[in-house]
């Protein structure tokens, strides 16, 4: 994994880049890559007030529930990969 290769992780919000640098991107399914594409912009948009309001308008209960579920599945997969590394 990336932290084992270097002392300092890269300063970025690009999850695809981090997964690539960590050596797990090529092992991800298309659904996992789609999840990264789904959640990556959420972090950036929430950090900026003008984007936050627009983002909030696109999210409803069902959409948030789906995002959380998909993120949890991806998170557990990454944890498993890290524990095996």
C-alpha atoms as a PDB file:
ATOM      1  CA  UNK A   1       0.000   0.000   0.000  1.00  0.00           C
ATOM      2  CA  UNK A   2       1.064   3.582  -0.497  1.00  0.00           C
ATOM      3  CA  UNK A   3       2.007   4.361   3.101  1.00  0.00           C
ATOM      4  CA  UNK A   4       4.295   1.372   3.166  1.00  0.00           C
ATOM      5  CA  UNK A   5       6.096   2.704   0.098  1.00  0.00           C
ATOM      6  CA  UNK A   6       6.619   6.295   1.235  1.00  0.00           C
ATOM      7  CA  UNK A   7       6.725   8.341   4.406  1.00  0.00           C
ATOM      8  CA  UNK A   8       4.132  10.902   3.350  1.00  0.00           C
ATOM      9  CA  UNK A   9       0.846  10.222   1.575  1.00  0.00           C
ATOM     10  CA  UNK A  10      -0.022  12.537  -1.321  1.00  0.00           C
ATOM     11  CA  UNK A  11      -2.148  15.589  -0.565  1.00  0.00           C
ATOM     12  CA  UNK A  12      -5.132  15.008  -2.828  1.00  0.00           C
ATOM     13  CA  UNK A  13      -8.872  14.378  -2.813  1.00  0.00           C
ATOM     14  CA  UNK A  14      -8.623  12.251  -5.957  1.00  0.00           C
ATOM     15  CA  UNK A  15      -9.720   8.817  -4.751  1.00  0.00           C
ATOM     16  CA  UNK A  16      -8.936   7.117  -8.063  1.00  0.00           C
ATOM     17  CA  UNK A  17      -5.391   8.444  -7.874  1.00  0.00           C
ATOM     18  CA  UNK A  18      -5.016   7.279  -4.271  1.00  0.00           C
ATOM     19  CA  UNK A  19      -6.354   3.830  -5.155  1.00  0.00           C
ATOM     20  CA  UNK A  20      -3.939   3.637  -8.084  1.00  0.00           C
ATOM     21  CA  UNK A  21      -0.991   4.736  -5.961  1.00  0.00           C
ATOM     22  CA  UNK A  22      -2.029   2.232  -3.304  1.00  0.00           C
ATOM     23  CA  UNK A  23      -2.001  -0.567  -5.862  1.00  0.00           C
ATOM     24  CA  UNK A  24      -5.659  -1.509  -5.469  1.00  0.00           C
ATOM     25  CA  UNK A  25      -7.340   0.300  -8.361  1.00  0.00           C
ATOM     26  CA  UNK A  26      -6.547  -2.414 -10.888  1.00  0.00           C
ATOM     27  CA  UNK A  27      -8.185  -4.987  -8.581  1.00  0.00           C
ATOM     28  CA  UNK A  28     -11.397  -3.004  -8.196  1.00  0.00           C
ATOM     29  CA  UNK A  29     -14.613  -4.019  -9.901  1.00  0.00           C
ATOM     30  CA  UNK A  30     -16.404  -1.582 -12.183  1.00  0.00           C
ATOM     31  CA  UNK A  31     -19.005  -1.096  -9.439  1.00  0.00           C
ATOM     32  CA  UNK A  32     -16.283  -0.143  -6.953  1.00  0.00           C
ATOM     33  CA  UNK A  33     -14.779   2.295  -9.450  1.00  0.00           C
ATOM     34  CA  UNK A  34     -18.248   3.740 -10.035  1.00  0.00           C
ATOM     35  CA  UNK A  35     -18.613   4.208  -6.279  1.00  0.00           C
ATOM     36  CA  UNK A  36     -15.368   6.167  -6.209  1.00  0.00           C
ATOM     37  CA  UNK A  37     -16.645   8.297  -9.089  1.00  0.00           C
ATOM     38  CA  UNK A  38     -19.853   8.857  -7.118  1.00  0.00           C
ATOM     39  CA  UNK A  39     -18.342   9.874  -3.779  1.00  0.00           C
ATOM     40  CA  UNK A  40     -15.231  11.731  -4.933  1.00  0.00           C
ATOM     41  CA  UNK A  41     -17.007  14.954  -5.969  1.00  0.00           C
ATOM     42  CA  UNK A  42     -19.070  15.003  -2.763  1.00  0.00           C
ATOM     43  CA  UNK A  43     -16.052  15.866  -0.628  1.00  0.00           C
ATOM     44  CA  UNK A  44     -14.960  18.721  -2.857  1.00  0.00           C
ATOM     45  CA  UNK A  45     -18.471  20.132  -3.285  1.00  0.00           C
ATOM     46  CA  UNK A  46     -19.206  20.137   0.438  1.00  0.00           C
ATOM     47  CA  UNK A  47     -16.035  22.118   1.176  1.00  0.00           C
ATOM     48  CA  UNK A  48     -17.179  25.132  -0.847  1.00  0.00           C
ATOM     49  CA  UNK A  49     -20.362  26.964   0.254  1.00  0.00           C
ATOM     50  CA  UNK A  50     -21.551  27.782  -3.265  1.00  0.00           C
ATOM     51  CA  UNK A  51     -21.295  24.140  -4.271  1.00  0.00           C
ATOM     52  CA  UNK A  52     -22.761  22.856  -1.012  1.00  0.00           C
ATOM     53  CA  UNK A  53     -26.190  24.390  -1.588  1.00  0.00           C
ATOM     54  CA  UNK A  54     -26.397  22.959  -5.107  1.00  0.00           C
ATOM     55  CA  UNK A  55     -25.302  19.547  -3.852  1.00  0.00           C
ATOM     56  CA  UNK A  56     -27.884  19.558  -1.072  1.00  0.00           C
ATOM     57  CA  UNK A  57     -30.628  20.052  -3.651  1.00  0.00           C
ATOM     58  CA  UNK A  58     -29.615  16.859  -5.461  1.00  0.00           C
ATOM     59  CA  UNK A  59     -29.633  14.656  -2.360  1.00  0.00           C
ATOM     60  CA  UNK A  60     -32.700  13.060  -0.872  1.00  0.00           C
ATOM     61  CA  UNK A  61     -33.095  10.311   1.708  1.00  0.00           C
ATOM     62  CA  UNK A  62     -32.961   7.432  -0.786  1.00  0.00           C
ATOM     63  CA  UNK A  63     -29.955   8.851  -2.627  1.00  0.00           C
ATOM     64  CA  UNK A  64     -28.072   9.379   0.642  1.00  0.00           C
ATOM     65  CA  UNK A  65     -28.940   5.861   1.782  1.00  0.00           C
ATOM     66  CA  UNK A  66     -27.604   4.417  -1.489  1.00  0.00           C
ATOM     67  CA  UNK A  67     -24.378   6.442  -1.244  1.00  0.00           C
ATOM     68  CA  UNK A  68     -23.811   5.345   2.352  1.00  0.00           C
ATOM     69  CA  UNK A  69     -24.437   1.672   1.551  1.00  0.00           C
ATOM     70  CA  UNK A  70     -22.137   1.676  -1.466  1.00  0.00           C
ATOM     71  CA  UNK A  71     -19.449   3.530   0.459  1.00  0.00           C
ATOM     72  CA  UNK A  72     -19.647   1.050   3.348  1.00  0.00           C
ATOM     73  CA  UNK A  73     -19.195  -1.905   0.978  1.00  0.00           C
ATOM     74  CA  UNK A  74     -16.180  -0.216  -0.634  1.00  0.00           C
ATOM     75  CA  UNK A  75     -14.745   0.724   2.762  1.00  0.00           C
ATOM     76  CA  UNK A  76     -14.951  -2.876   4.007  1.00  0.00           C
ATOM     77  CA  UNK A  77     -13.268  -4.128   0.830  1.00  0.00           C
ATOM     78  CA  UNK A  78     -10.427  -1.617   1.237  1.00  0.00           C
ATOM     79  CA  UNK A  79      -9.991  -2.545   4.909  1.00  0.00           C
ATOM     80  CA  UNK A  80      -9.723  -6.194   3.910  1.00  0.00           C
ATOM     81  CA  UNK A  81      -7.108  -5.328   1.276  1.00  0.00           C
ATOM     82  CA  UNK A  82      -5.135  -3.296   3.823  1.00  0.00           C
ATOM     83  CA  UNK A  83      -5.167  -6.092   6.378  1.00  0.00           C
ATOM     84  CA  UNK A  84      -3.853  -8.520   3.749  1.00  0.00           C
ATOM     85  CA  UNK A  85      -1.100  -6.152   2.578  1.00  0.00           C
END
